[in-house]
Amino acid sequence: LRSLRYARGGGKKGGGLALIVAIGLALLVLGFVGM
């Protein structure tokens, strides 16, 4: 999630960026809930 500040929208049209955000949130929430 922190790496997204360096991301550029470009030709991804937001789709790839949304995928990365979703994966990052899933890892963050499930990892800390499990811990």
PDB file of all heavy atoms in Angstrom:
ATOM      1  N   LEU A   1       0.820  -1.215   0.000  1.00  0.00           N
ATOM      2  CA  LEU A   1       0.000   0.000   0.000  1.00  0.00           C
ATOM      3  C   LEU A   1       0.853   1.264   0.000  1.00  0.00           C
ATOM      4  O   LEU A   1       0.529   2.249  -0.672  1.00  0.00           O
ATOM      5  CB  LEU A   1      -0.933  -0.007   1.216  1.00  0.00           C
ATOM      6  CG  LEU A   1      -2.030  -1.092   1.211  1.00  0.00           C
ATOM      7  CD1 LEU A   1      -2.821  -1.056   2.503  1.00  0.00           C
ATOM      8  CD2 LEU A   1      -2.963  -0.918   0.016  1.00  0.00           C
ATOM      9  N   ARG A   2       1.957   1.244   0.742  1.00  0.00           N
ATOM     10  CA  ARG A   2       2.828   2.416   0.769  1.00  0.00           C
ATOM     11  C   ARG A   2       3.523   2.644  -0.565  1.00  0.00           C
ATOM     12  O   ARG A   2       3.838   3.770  -0.929  1.00  0.00           O
ATOM     13  CB  ARG A   2       3.868   2.259   1.877  1.00  0.00           C
ATOM     14  CG  ARG A   2       3.302   2.417   3.281  1.00  0.00           C
ATOM     15  CD  ARG A   2       4.360   2.172   4.329  1.00  0.00           C
ATOM     16  NE  ARG A   2       3.816   2.319   5.676  1.00  0.00           N
ATOM     17  CZ  ARG A   2       4.485   2.059   6.783  1.00  0.00           C
ATOM     18  NH1 ARG A   2       5.741   1.619   6.702  1.00  0.00           N
ATOM     19  NH2 ARG A   2       3.914   2.227   7.964  1.00  0.00           N
ATOM     20  N   SER A   3       3.751   1.562  -1.299  1.00  0.00           N
ATOM     21  CA  SER A   3       4.431   1.695  -2.584  1.00  0.00           C
ATOM     22  C   SER A   3       3.562   2.386  -3.624  1.00  0.00           C
ATOM     23  O   SER A   3       4.067   2.863  -4.643  1.00  0.00           O
ATOM     24  CB  SER A   3       4.862   0.319  -3.101  1.00  0.00           C
ATOM     25  OG  SER A   3       3.737  -0.465  -3.434  1.00  0.00           O
ATOM     26  N   LEU A   4       2.254   2.455  -3.366  1.00  0.00           N
ATOM     27  CA  LEU A   4       1.350   3.056  -4.342  1.00  0.00           C
ATOM     28  C   LEU A   4       1.588   4.558  -4.509  1.00  0.00           C
ATOM     29  O   LEU A   4       1.203   5.137  -5.518  1.00  0.00           O
ATOM     30  CB  LEU A   4      -0.109   2.810  -3.928  1.00  0.00           C
ATOM     31  CG  LEU A   4      -0.555   1.348  -3.931  1.00  0.00           C
ATOM     32  CD1 LEU A   4      -2.004   1.244  -3.488  1.00  0.00           C
ATOM     33  CD2 LEU A   4      -0.385   0.740  -5.319  1.00  0.00           C
ATOM     34  N   ARG A   5       2.206   5.178  -3.506  1.00  0.00           N
ATOM     35  CA  ARG A   5       2.466   6.618  -3.630  1.00  0.00           C
ATOM     36  C   ARG A   5       3.452   6.901  -4.766  1.00  0.00           C
ATOM     37  O   ARG A   5       3.524   8.019  -5.263  1.00  0.00           O
ATOM     38  CB  ARG A   5       3.026   7.163  -2.317  1.00  0.00           C
ATOM     39  CG  ARG A   5       4.440   6.715  -1.996  1.00  0.00           C
ATOM     40  CD  ARG A   5       4.935   7.259  -0.663  1.00  0.00           C
ATOM     41  NE  ARG A   5       4.167   6.720   0.444  1.00  0.00           N
ATOM     42  CZ  ARG A   5       4.436   6.995   1.725  1.00  0.00           C
ATOM     43  NH1 ARG A   5       5.414   7.845   2.021  1.00  0.00           N
ATOM     44  NH2 ARG A   5       3.720   6.451   2.670  1.00  0.00           N
ATOM     45  N   TYR A   6       4.217   5.887  -5.146  1.00  0.00           N
ATOM     46  CA  TYR A   6       5.178   6.065  -6.233  1.00  0.00           C
ATOM     47  C   TYR A   6       4.615   5.575  -7.563  1.00  0.00           C
ATOM     48  O   TYR A   6       5.282   5.635  -8.590  1.00  0.00           O
ATOM     49  CB  TYR A   6       6.466   5.300  -5.934  1.00  0.00           C
ATOM     50  CG  TYR A   6       7.080   5.691  -4.608  1.00  0.00           C
ATOM     51  CD1 TYR A   6       7.021   4.819  -3.526  1.00  0.00           C
ATOM     52  CD2 TYR A   6       7.700   6.926  -4.436  1.00  0.00           C
ATOM     53  CE1 TYR A   6       7.565   5.173  -2.291  1.00  0.00           C
ATOM     54  CE2 TYR A   6       8.248   7.287  -3.210  1.00  0.00           C
ATOM     55  CZ  TYR A   6       8.179   6.397  -2.154  1.00  0.00           C
ATOM     56  OH  TYR A   6       8.721   6.756  -0.937  1.00  0.00           O
ATOM     57  N   ALA A   7       3.364   5.045  -7.537  1.00  0.00           N
ATOM     58  CA  ALA A   7       2.788   4.495  -8.766  1.00  0.00           C
ATOM     59  C   ALA A   7       2.251   5.621  -9.642  1.00  0.00           C
ATOM     60  O   ALA A   7       1.889   6.694  -9.183  1.00  0.00           O
ATOM     61  CB  ALA A   7       1.667   3.509  -8.426  1.00  0.00           C
ATOM     62  N   ARG A   8       2.192   5.373 -10.926  1.00  0.00           N
ATOM     63  CA  ARG A   8       1.638   6.319 -11.897  1.00  0.00           C
ATOM     64  C   ARG A   8       0.494   5.620 -12.627  1.00  0.00           C
ATOM     65  O   ARG A   8       0.612   4.452 -13.003  1.00  0.00           O
ATOM     66  CB  ARG A   8       2.698   6.781 -12.904  1.00  0.00           C
ATOM     67  CG  ARG A   8       3.848   7.533 -12.254  1.00  0.00           C
ATOM     68  CD  ARG A   8       3.372   8.887 -11.722  1.00  0.00           C
ATOM     69  NE  ARG A   8       4.468   9.656 -11.173  1.00  0.00           N
ATOM     70  CZ  ARG A   8       4.814   9.627  -9.898  1.00  0.00           C
ATOM     71  NH1 ARG A   8       4.172   8.834  -9.054  1.00  0.00           N
ATOM     72  NH2 ARG A   8       5.817  10.376  -9.458  1.00  0.00           N
ATOM     73  N   GLY A   9      -0.611   6.338 -12.826  1.00  0.00           N
ATOM     74  CA  GLY A   9      -1.768   5.717 -13.473  1.00  0.00           C
ATOM     75  C   GLY A   9      -1.468   5.221 -14.866  1.00  0.00           C
ATOM     76  O   GLY A   9      -1.699   4.087 -15.208  1.00  0.00           O
ATOM     77  N   GLY A  10      -0.935   6.084 -15.735  1.00  0.00           N
ATOM     78  CA  GLY A  10      -0.497   5.709 -17.081  1.00  0.00           C
ATOM     79  C   GLY A  10      -1.566   4.981 -17.851  1.00  0.00           C
ATOM     80  O   GLY A  10      -2.723   5.312 -17.869  1.00  0.00           O
ATOM     81  N   GLY A  11      -1.113   3.920 -18.541  1.00  0.00           N
ATOM     82  CA  GLY A  11      -2.022   3.171 -19.396  1.00  0.00           C
ATOM     83  C   GLY A  11      -2.795   2.108 -18.679  1.00  0.00           C
ATOM     84  O   GLY A  11      -3.538   1.365 -19.276  1.00  0.00           O
ATOM     85  N   LYS A  12      -2.613   2.001 -17.350  1.00  0.00           N
ATOM     86  CA  LYS A  12      -3.320   0.948 -16.635  1.00  0.00           C
ATOM     87  C   LYS A  12      -4.798   1.280 -16.457  1.00  0.00           C
ATOM     88  O   LYS A  12      -5.597   0.418 -16.132  1.00  0.00           O
ATOM     89  CB  LYS A  12      -2.681   0.707 -15.269  1.00  0.00           C
ATOM     90  CG  LYS A  12      -1.301   0.123 -15.372  1.00  0.00           C
ATOM     91  CD  LYS A  12      -0.782  -0.278 -13.995  1.00  0.00           C
ATOM     92  CE  LYS A  12       0.567  -0.948 -14.096  1.00  0.00           C
ATOM     93  NZ  LYS A  12       1.068  -1.399 -12.798  1.00  0.00           N
ATOM     94  N   LYS A  13      -5.135   2.590 -16.649  1.00  0.00           N
ATOM     95  CA  LYS A  13      -6.522   3.031 -16.547  1.00  0.00           C
ATOM     96  C   LYS A  13      -7.136   2.668 -15.203  1.00  0.00           C
ATOM     97  O   LYS A  13      -8.326   2.432 -15.088  1.00  0.00           O
ATOM     98  CB  LYS A  13      -7.359   2.438 -17.688  1.00  0.00           C
ATOM     99  CG  LYS A  13      -6.871   2.869 -19.062  1.00  0.00           C
ATOM    100  CD  LYS A  13      -7.707   2.253 -20.151  1.00  0.00           C
ATOM    101  CE  LYS A  13      -7.194   2.663 -21.524  1.00  0.00           C
ATOM    102  NZ  LYS A  13      -7.978   2.047 -22.606  1.00  0.00           N
ATOM    103  N   GLY A  14      -6.323   2.577 -14.179  1.00  0.00           N
ATOM    104  CA  GLY A  14      -6.831   2.338 -12.837  1.00  0.00           C
ATOM    105  C   GLY A  14      -7.092   0.892 -12.507  1.00  0.00           C
ATOM    106  O   GLY A  14      -7.232   0.537 -11.353  1.00  0.00           O
ATOM    107  N   GLY A  15      -7.200   0.009 -13.517  1.00  0.00           N
ATOM    108  CA  GLY A  15      -7.517  -1.390 -13.241  1.00  0.00           C
ATOM    109  C   GLY A  15      -6.423  -2.103 -12.481  1.00  0.00           C
ATOM    110  O   GLY A  15      -6.674  -2.753 -11.471  1.00  0.00           O
ATOM    111  N   GLY A  16      -5.185  -1.995 -12.963  1.00  0.00           N
ATOM    112  CA  GLY A  16      -4.072  -2.654 -12.291  1.00  0.00           C
ATOM    113  C   GLY A  16      -3.829  -2.070 -10.922  1.00  0.00           C
ATOM    114  O   GLY A  16      -3.508  -2.796  -9.975  1.00  0.00           O
ATOM    115  N   LEU A  17      -4.009  -0.757 -10.796  1.00  0.00           N
ATOM    116  CA  LEU A  17      -3.796  -0.105  -9.499  1.00  0.00           C
ATOM    117  C   LEU A  17      -4.837  -0.579  -8.489  1.00  0.00           C
ATOM    118  O   LEU A  17      -4.521  -0.831  -7.318  1.00  0.00           O
ATOM    119  CB  LEU A  17      -3.885   1.411  -9.666  1.00  0.00           C
ATOM    120  CG  LEU A  17      -3.388   2.256  -8.484  1.00  0.00           C
ATOM    121  CD1 LEU A  17      -1.928   1.977  -8.213  1.00  0.00           C
ATOM    122  CD2 LEU A  17      -3.606   3.734  -8.775  1.00  0.00           C
ATOM    123  N   ALA A  18      -6.088  -0.731  -8.916  1.00  0.00           N
ATOM    124  CA  ALA A  18      -7.137  -1.221  -8.017  1.00  0.00           C
ATOM    125  C   ALA A  18      -6.839  -2.651  -7.564  1.00  0.00           C
ATOM    126  O   ALA A  18      -7.100  -3.026  -6.408  1.00  0.00           O
ATOM    127  CB  ALA A  18      -8.492  -1.161  -8.718  1.00  0.00           C
ATOM    128  N   LEU A  19      -6.290  -3.455  -8.467  1.00  0.00           N
ATOM    129  CA  LEU A  19      -5.922  -4.833  -8.121  1.00  0.00           C
ATOM    130  C   LEU A  19      -4.857  -4.841  -7.033  1.00  0.00           C
ATOM    131  O   LEU A  19      -4.940  -5.597  -6.057  1.00  0.00           O
ATOM    132  CB  LEU A  19      -5.423  -5.556  -9.370  1.00  0.00           C
ATOM    133  CG  LEU A  19      -4.863  -6.972  -9.158  1.00  0.00           C
ATOM    134  CD1 LEU A  19      -5.956  -7.888  -8.647  1.00  0.00           C
ATOM    135  CD2 LEU A  19      -4.271  -7.501 -10.459  1.00  0.00           C
ATOM    136  N   ILE A  20      -3.848  -3.993  -7.179  1.00  0.00           N
ATOM    137  CA  ILE A  20      -2.769  -3.919  -6.187  1.00  0.00           C
ATOM    138  C   ILE A  20      -3.308  -3.457  -4.840  1.00  0.00           C
ATOM    139  O   ILE A  20      -2.948  -3.987  -3.778  1.00  0.00           O
ATOM    140  CB  ILE A  20      -1.662  -2.981  -6.683  1.00  0.00           C
ATOM    141  CG1 ILE A  20      -1.010  -3.564  -7.937  1.00  0.00           C
ATOM    142  CG2 ILE A  20      -0.608  -2.770  -5.602  1.00  0.00           C
ATOM    143  CD1 ILE A  20      -0.003  -2.632  -8.595  1.00  0.00           C
ATOM    144  N   VAL A  21      -4.199  -2.440  -4.843  1.00  0.00           N
ATOM    145  CA  VAL A  21      -4.791  -1.948  -3.599  1.00  0.00           C
ATOM    146  C   VAL A  21      -5.574  -3.059  -2.902  1.00  0.00           C
ATOM    147  O   VAL A  21      -5.472  -3.250  -1.679  1.00  0.00           O
ATOM    148  CB  VAL A  21      -5.713  -0.748  -3.876  1.00  0.00           C
ATOM    149  CG1 VAL A  21      -6.513  -0.391  -2.630  1.00  0.00           C
ATOM    150  CG2 VAL A  21      -4.896   0.454  -4.334  1.00  0.00           C
ATOM    151  N   ALA A  22      -6.349  -3.820  -3.662  1.00  0.00           N
ATOM    152  CA  ALA A  22      -7.158  -4.892  -3.081  1.00  0.00           C
ATOM    153  C   ALA A  22      -6.278  -5.965  -2.453  1.00  0.00           C
ATOM    154  O   ALA A  22      -6.555  -6.451  -1.348  1.00  0.00           O
ATOM    155  CB  ALA A  22      -8.065  -5.499  -4.155  1.00  0.00           C
ATOM    156  N   ILE A  23      -5.221  -6.349  -3.151  1.00  0.00           N
ATOM    157  CA  ILE A  23      -4.312  -7.369  -2.614  1.00  0.00           C
ATOM    158  C   ILE A  23      -3.610  -6.851  -1.357  1.00  0.00           C
ATOM    159  O   ILE A  23      -3.489  -7.562  -0.352  1.00  0.00           O
ATOM    160  CB  ILE A  23      -3.292  -7.791  -3.683  1.00  0.00           C
ATOM    161  CG1 ILE A  23      -3.995  -8.533  -4.820  1.00  0.00           C
ATOM    162  CG2 ILE A  23      -2.200  -8.662  -3.068  1.00  0.00           C
ATOM    163  CD1 ILE A  23      -3.080  -8.892  -5.970  1.00  0.00           C
ATOM    164  N   GLY A  24      -3.157  -5.601  -1.407  1.00  0.00           N
ATOM    165  CA  GLY A  24      -2.492  -5.019  -0.243  1.00  0.00           C
ATOM    166  C   GLY A  24      -3.406  -4.971   0.971  1.00  0.00           C
ATOM    167  O   GLY A  24      -2.990  -5.307   2.090  1.00  0.00           O
ATOM    168  N   LEU A  25      -4.652  -4.549   0.763  1.00  0.00           N
ATOM    169  CA  LEU A  25      -5.602  -4.498   1.876  1.00  0.00           C
ATOM    170  C   LEU A  25      -5.896  -5.889   2.430  1.00  0.00           C
ATOM    171  O   LEU A  25      -6.020  -6.077   3.649  1.00  0.00           O
ATOM    172  CB  LEU A  25      -6.902  -3.834   1.418  1.00  0.00           C
ATOM    173  CG  LEU A  25      -6.862  -2.315   1.260  1.00  0.00           C
ATOM    174  CD1 LEU A  25      -8.173  -1.811   0.656  1.00  0.00           C
ATOM    175  CD2 LEU A  25      -6.617  -1.630   2.606  1.00  0.00           C
ATOM    176  N   ALA A  26      -6.024  -6.879   1.530  1.00  0.00           N
ATOM    177  CA  ALA A  26      -6.287  -8.248   1.982  1.00  0.00           C
ATOM    178  C   ALA A  26      -5.153  -8.763   2.850  1.00  0.00           C
ATOM    179  O   ALA A  26      -5.374  -9.355   3.917  1.00  0.00           O
ATOM    180  CB  ALA A  26      -6.493  -9.168   0.775  1.00  0.00           C
ATOM    181  N   LEU A  27      -3.915  -8.550   2.410  1.00  0.00           N
ATOM    182  CA  LEU A  27      -2.762  -8.990   3.191  1.00  0.00           C
ATOM    183  C   LEU A  27      -2.702  -8.263   4.531  1.00  0.00           C
ATOM    184  O   LEU A  27      -2.436  -8.874   5.575  1.00  0.00           O
ATOM    185  CB  LEU A  27      -1.472  -8.759   2.403  1.00  0.00           C
ATOM    186  CG  LEU A  27      -1.265  -9.608   1.147  1.00  0.00           C
ATOM    187  CD1 LEU A  27      -0.019  -9.144   0.400  1.00  0.00           C
ATOM    188  CD2 LEU A  27      -1.138 -11.077   1.505  1.00  0.00           C
ATOM    189  N   LEU A  28      -2.952  -6.956   4.504  1.00  0.00           N
ATOM    190  CA  LEU A  28      -2.862  -6.151   5.723  1.00  0.00           C
ATOM    191  C   LEU A  28      -3.904  -6.598   6.747  1.00  0.00           C
ATOM    192  O   LEU A  28      -3.570  -6.863   7.915  1.00  0.00           O
ATOM    193  CB  LEU A  28      -3.063  -4.672   5.373  1.00  0.00           C
ATOM    194  CG  LEU A  28      -3.030  -3.678   6.536  1.00  0.00           C
ATOM    195  CD1 LEU A  28      -1.652  -3.622   7.150  1.00  0.00           C
ATOM    196  CD2 LEU A  28      -3.456  -2.294   6.064  1.00  0.00           C
ATOM    197  N   VAL A  29      -5.158  -6.687   6.330  1.00  0.00           N
ATOM    198  CA  VAL A  29      -6.234  -7.002   7.274  1.00  0.00           C
ATOM    199  C   VAL A  29      -6.115  -8.424   7.796  1.00  0.00           C
ATOM    200  O   VAL A  29      -6.120  -8.665   9.013  1.00  0.00           O
ATOM    201  CB  VAL A  29      -7.606  -6.786   6.597  1.00  0.00           C
ATOM    202  CG1 VAL A  29      -8.726  -7.284   7.504  1.00  0.00           C
ATOM    203  CG2 VAL A  29      -7.807  -5.314   6.273  1.00  0.00           C
ATOM    204  N   LEU A  30      -5.980  -9.403   6.900  1.00  0.00           N
ATOM    205  CA  LEU A  30      -5.937 -10.794   7.345  1.00  0.00           C
ATOM    206  C   LEU A  30      -4.672 -11.097   8.137  1.00  0.00           C
ATOM    207  O   LEU A  30      -4.698 -11.867   9.095  1.00  0.00           O
ATOM    208  CB  LEU A  30      -6.054 -11.727   6.138  1.00  0.00           C
ATOM    209  CG  LEU A  30      -7.434 -11.765   5.480  1.00  0.00           C
ATOM    210  CD1 LEU A  30      -7.413 -12.622   4.224  1.00  0.00           C
ATOM    211  CD2 LEU A  30      -8.466 -12.311   6.454  1.00  0.00           C
ATOM    212  N   GLY A  31      -3.562 -10.495   7.734  1.00  0.00           N
ATOM    213  CA  GLY A  31      -2.321 -10.720   8.469  1.00  0.00           C
ATOM    214  C   GLY A  31      -2.406 -10.238   9.902  1.00  0.00           C
ATOM    215  O   GLY A  31      -2.063 -10.961  10.839  1.00  0.00           O
ATOM    216  N   PHE A  32      -2.894  -9.022  10.107  1.00  0.00           N
ATOM    217  CA  PHE A  32      -2.951  -8.471  11.458  1.00  0.00           C
ATOM    218  C   PHE A  32      -4.104  -9.061  12.281  1.00  0.00           C
ATOM    219  O   PHE A  32      -3.978  -9.214  13.494  1.00  0.00           O
ATOM    220  CB  PHE A  32      -3.043  -6.950  11.413  1.00  0.00           C
ATOM    221  CG  PHE A  32      -1.725  -6.296  11.109  1.00  0.00           C
ATOM    222  CD1 PHE A  32      -1.529  -5.616   9.920  1.00  0.00           C
ATOM    223  CD2 PHE A  32      -0.664  -6.396  11.985  1.00  0.00           C
ATOM    224  CE1 PHE A  32      -0.303  -5.022   9.625  1.00  0.00           C
ATOM    225  CE2 PHE A  32       0.557  -5.809  11.709  1.00  0.00           C
ATOM    226  CZ  PHE A  32       0.736  -5.121  10.525  1.00  0.00           C
ATOM    227  N   VAL A  33      -5.217  -9.412  11.638  1.00  0.00           N
ATOM    228  CA  VAL A  33      -6.286 -10.094  12.365  1.00  0.00           C
ATOM    229  C   VAL A  33      -5.810 -11.463  12.834  1.00  0.00           C
ATOM    230  O   VAL A  33      -6.035 -11.864  13.987  1.00  0.00           O
ATOM    231  CB  VAL A  33      -7.547 -10.219  11.483  1.00  0.00           C
ATOM    232  CG1 VAL A  33      -8.547 -11.178  12.126  1.00  0.00           C
ATOM    233  CG2 VAL A  33      -8.201  -8.866  11.294  1.00  0.00           C
ATOM    234  N   GLY A  34      -5.127 -12.191  11.950  1.00  0.00           N
ATOM    235  CA  GLY A  34      -4.586 -13.490  12.337  1.00  0.00           C
ATOM    236  C   GLY A  34      -3.573 -13.369  13.456  1.00  0.00           C
ATOM    237  O   GLY A  34      -3.560 -14.172  14.396  1.00  0.00           O
ATOM    238  N   MET A  35      -2.715 -12.350  13.383  1.00  0.00           N
ATOM    239  CA  MET A  35      -1.716 -12.143  14.429  1.00  0.00           C
ATOM    240  C   MET A  35      -2.381 -11.795  15.754  1.00  0.00           C
ATOM    241  O   MET A  35      -1.931 -12.231  16.821  1.00  0.00           O
ATOM    242  CB  MET A  35      -0.753 -11.045  14.009  1.00  0.00           C
ATOM    243  CG  MET A  35       0.438 -10.887  14.947  1.00  0.00           C
ATOM    244  SD  MET A  35       1.438  -9.451  14.516  1.00  0.00           S
ATOM    245  CE  MET A  35       0.314  -8.120  14.882  1.00  0.00           C
TER     246      MET A  35
END
